[in-house]
Each structure stands twice: as structure tokens, then as C-alpha cells.
C-alpha atoms as a PDB file:
ATOM      1  CA  MET A   1     102.403 110.964  36.082  1.00  0.00           C
ATOM      2  CA  ALA A   2     104.232 108.940  38.626  1.00  0.00           C
ATOM      3  CA  LYS A   3     103.579 105.953  40.752  1.00  0.00           C
ATOM      4  CA  ASP A   4     103.556 105.494  44.664  1.00  0.00           C
ATOM      5  CA  GLN A   5     105.016 102.214  46.240  1.00  0.00           C
ATOM      6  CA  GLN A   6     101.221 100.516  46.255  1.00  0.00           C
ATOM      7  CA  GLY A   7     101.298 101.317  42.370  1.00  0.00           C
ATOM      8  CA  LEU A   8      98.816 103.890  42.627  1.00  0.00           C
ATOM      9  CA  MET A   9      99.292 107.038  39.850  1.00  0.00           C
ATOM     10  CA  LEU A  10     100.065 110.145  41.189  1.00  0.00           C
ATOM     11  CA  SER A  11     100.109 113.599  39.320  1.00  0.00           C
ATOM     12  CA  GLY A  12     103.877 114.911  39.648  1.00  0.00           C
ATOM     13  CA  ALA A  13     107.122 113.918  38.737  1.00  0.00           C
ATOM     14  CA  PRO A  14     108.530 110.466  40.110  1.00  0.00           C
ATOM     15  CA  GLU A  15     110.596 112.283  42.689  1.00  0.00           C
ATOM     16  CA  SER A  16     107.351 113.684  44.280  1.00  0.00           C
ATOM     17  CA  ALA A  17     106.332 110.219  44.476  1.00  0.00           C
ATOM     18  CA  ALA A  18     108.955 109.284  46.130  1.00  0.00           C
ATOM     19  CA  ALA A  19     108.684 112.271  48.556  1.00  0.00           C
ATOM     20  CA  PHE A  20     105.533 111.097  49.211  1.00  0.00           C
ATOM     21  CA  ASP A  21     106.174 107.844  49.909  1.00  0.00           C
ATOM     22  CA  ARG A  22     109.093 109.063  52.192  1.00  0.00           C
ATOM     23  CA  ALA A  23     106.544 111.292  54.421  1.00  0.00           C
ATOM     24  CA  ILE A  24     104.099 108.635  54.790  1.00  0.00           C
ATOM     25  CA  ALA A  25     106.964 106.296  56.064  1.00  0.00           C
ATOM     26  CA  ASP A  26     107.922 109.257  58.269  1.00  0.00           C
ATOM     27  CA  TYR A  27     104.807 109.816  59.661  1.00  0.00           C
ATOM     28  CA  TYR A  28     104.094 106.096  60.908  1.00  0.00           C
ATOM     29  CA  ARG A  29     107.552 105.734  61.996  1.00  0.00           C
ATOM     30  CA  LEU A  30     107.026 109.224  63.891  1.00  0.00           C
ATOM     31  CA  THR A  31     110.528 110.191  62.300  1.00  0.00           C
ATOM     32  CA  GLY A  32     111.803 112.851  60.517  1.00  0.00           C
ATOM     33  CA  ASP A  33     109.726 115.639  58.981  1.00  0.00           C
ATOM     34  CA  PRO A  34     106.862 114.102  56.739  1.00  0.00           C
ATOM     35  CA  VAL A  35     105.363 118.109  56.425  1.00  0.00           C
ATOM     36  CA  GLY A  36     108.727 119.352  55.328  1.00  0.00           C
ATOM     37  CA  VAL A  37     109.570 116.606  53.000  1.00  0.00           C
ATOM     38  CA  LEU A  38     106.104 116.989  51.531  1.00  0.00           C
ATOM     39  CA  LYS A  39     106.470 120.946  51.209  1.00  0.00           C
ATOM     40  CA  SER A  40     110.199 120.625  49.331  1.00  0.00           C
ATOM     41  CA  ALA A  41     108.134 118.393  46.918  1.00  0.00           C
ATOM     42  CA  LEU A  42     105.408 120.538  46.300  1.00  0.00           C
ATOM     43  CA  ALA A  43     108.144 123.606  46.173  1.00  0.00           C
ATOM     44  CA  GLN A  44     109.921 122.052  43.305  1.00  0.00           C
ATOM     45  CA  ASP A  45     107.030 120.237  41.447  1.00  0.00           C
ATOM     46  CA  PRO A  46     103.717 122.628  41.394  1.00  0.00           C
ATOM     47  CA  GLY A  47     101.951 120.037  39.472  1.00  0.00           C
ATOM     48  CA  PHE A  48     102.095 117.541  42.720  1.00  0.00           C
ATOM     49  CA  ALA A  49      98.475 118.111  43.834  1.00  0.00           C
ATOM     50  CA  LEU A  50      98.441 115.363  46.355  1.00  0.00           C
ATOM     51  CA  GLY A  51     101.481 117.154  48.287  1.00  0.00           C
ATOM     52  CA  GLY A  52      99.440 120.141  49.119  1.00  0.00           C
ATOM     53  CA  VAL A  53      96.729 117.753  49.945  1.00  0.00           C
ATOM     54  CA  ALA A  54      98.346 115.776  52.709  1.00  0.00           C
ATOM     55  CA  ILE A  55     100.032 118.931  53.874  1.00  0.00           C
ATOM     56  CA  ALA A  56      96.807 120.405  54.676  1.00  0.00           C
ATOM     57  CA  ALA A  57      95.647 116.683  55.819  1.00  0.00           C
ATOM     58  CA  LEU A  58      98.908 116.357  58.324  1.00  0.00           C
ATOM     59  CA  TYR A  59      98.242 119.932  59.827  1.00  0.00           C
ATOM     60  CA  MET A  60      94.376 119.136  60.497  1.00  0.00           C
ATOM     61  CA  ILE A  61      95.258 115.769  62.065  1.00  0.00           C
ATOM     62  CA  GLY A  62      97.601 117.993  64.315  1.00  0.00           C
ATOM     63  CA  GLY A  63      94.799 119.854  65.818  1.00  0.00           C
ATOM     64  CA  PHE A  64      95.179 122.765  63.255  1.00  0.00           C
ATOM     65  CA  ARG A  65      91.788 123.980  61.986  1.00  0.00           C
ATOM     66  CA  GLY A  66      90.782 124.455  58.320  1.00  0.00           C
ATOM     67  CA  ASP A  67      90.977 128.011  58.136  1.00  0.00           C
ATOM     68  CA  HIS A  68      94.842 128.154  59.576  1.00  0.00           C
ATOM     69  CA  PRO A  69      97.215 130.005  57.241  1.00  0.00           C
ATOM     70  CA  GLU A  70      99.348 126.737  56.401  1.00  0.00           C
ATOM     71  CA  VAL A  71      95.933 124.620  55.815  1.00  0.00           C
ATOM     72  CA  ALA A  72      94.745 127.315  53.572  1.00  0.00           C
ATOM     73  CA  SER A  73      98.114 127.521  51.821  1.00  0.00           C
ATOM     74  CA  ALA A  74      98.573 123.798  51.481  1.00  0.00           C
ATOM     75  CA  LEU A  75      94.706 123.463  49.872  1.00  0.00           C
ATOM     76  CA  CYS A  76      95.523 126.360  47.678  1.00  0.00           C
ATOM     77  CA  ALA A  77      98.411 125.009  46.158  1.00  0.00           C
ATOM     78  CA  ALA A  78      96.447 121.826  45.451  1.00  0.00           C
ATOM     79  CA  GLU A  79      94.053 123.480  43.810  1.00  0.00           C
ATOM     80  CA  THR A  80      96.275 125.271  41.417  1.00  0.00           C
END
């Protein structure tokens, strides 16, 4: 288990928590590629459930429906 910047416990490796923090910062600053950062972290750490959830949430915030393949794939990764 790892902790994010707020000290909350996250499943996965410390590197995944750092990637989550980076993705959140990128999202709020409107810079970088938060989805790409999360996808990379999830590929390296399949136990990083929040990564899949966050990817799906970012897609849905962007207007994608829940049945879109990217959203469905991210949620499937989170469930595993």
C-alpha cells in the first residue's frame, strides 16, 4: 500500500501513488497528459485500482459515455 500527497492509503506501489498525484496536478493545471500518466502507471502496476477508476472518470468528465471502449477497459482494469 502506498500513500498519496494527502496521506491517504492507495492500493499499489509508491510509484503508482506518485503517478496519481502527478495526474491530478496535470489535470488541475491543464497541462501534460493525466490519462497517459495513469495508463502507464496501471500498465506497470495492475494492482493500482484507483488508476483504472481515475482513467474512467477523466474520460467521462470529458464527455465519453460509460459504454465507450476506453471507459469500459479502464473499469475492467480497476475491477481486476
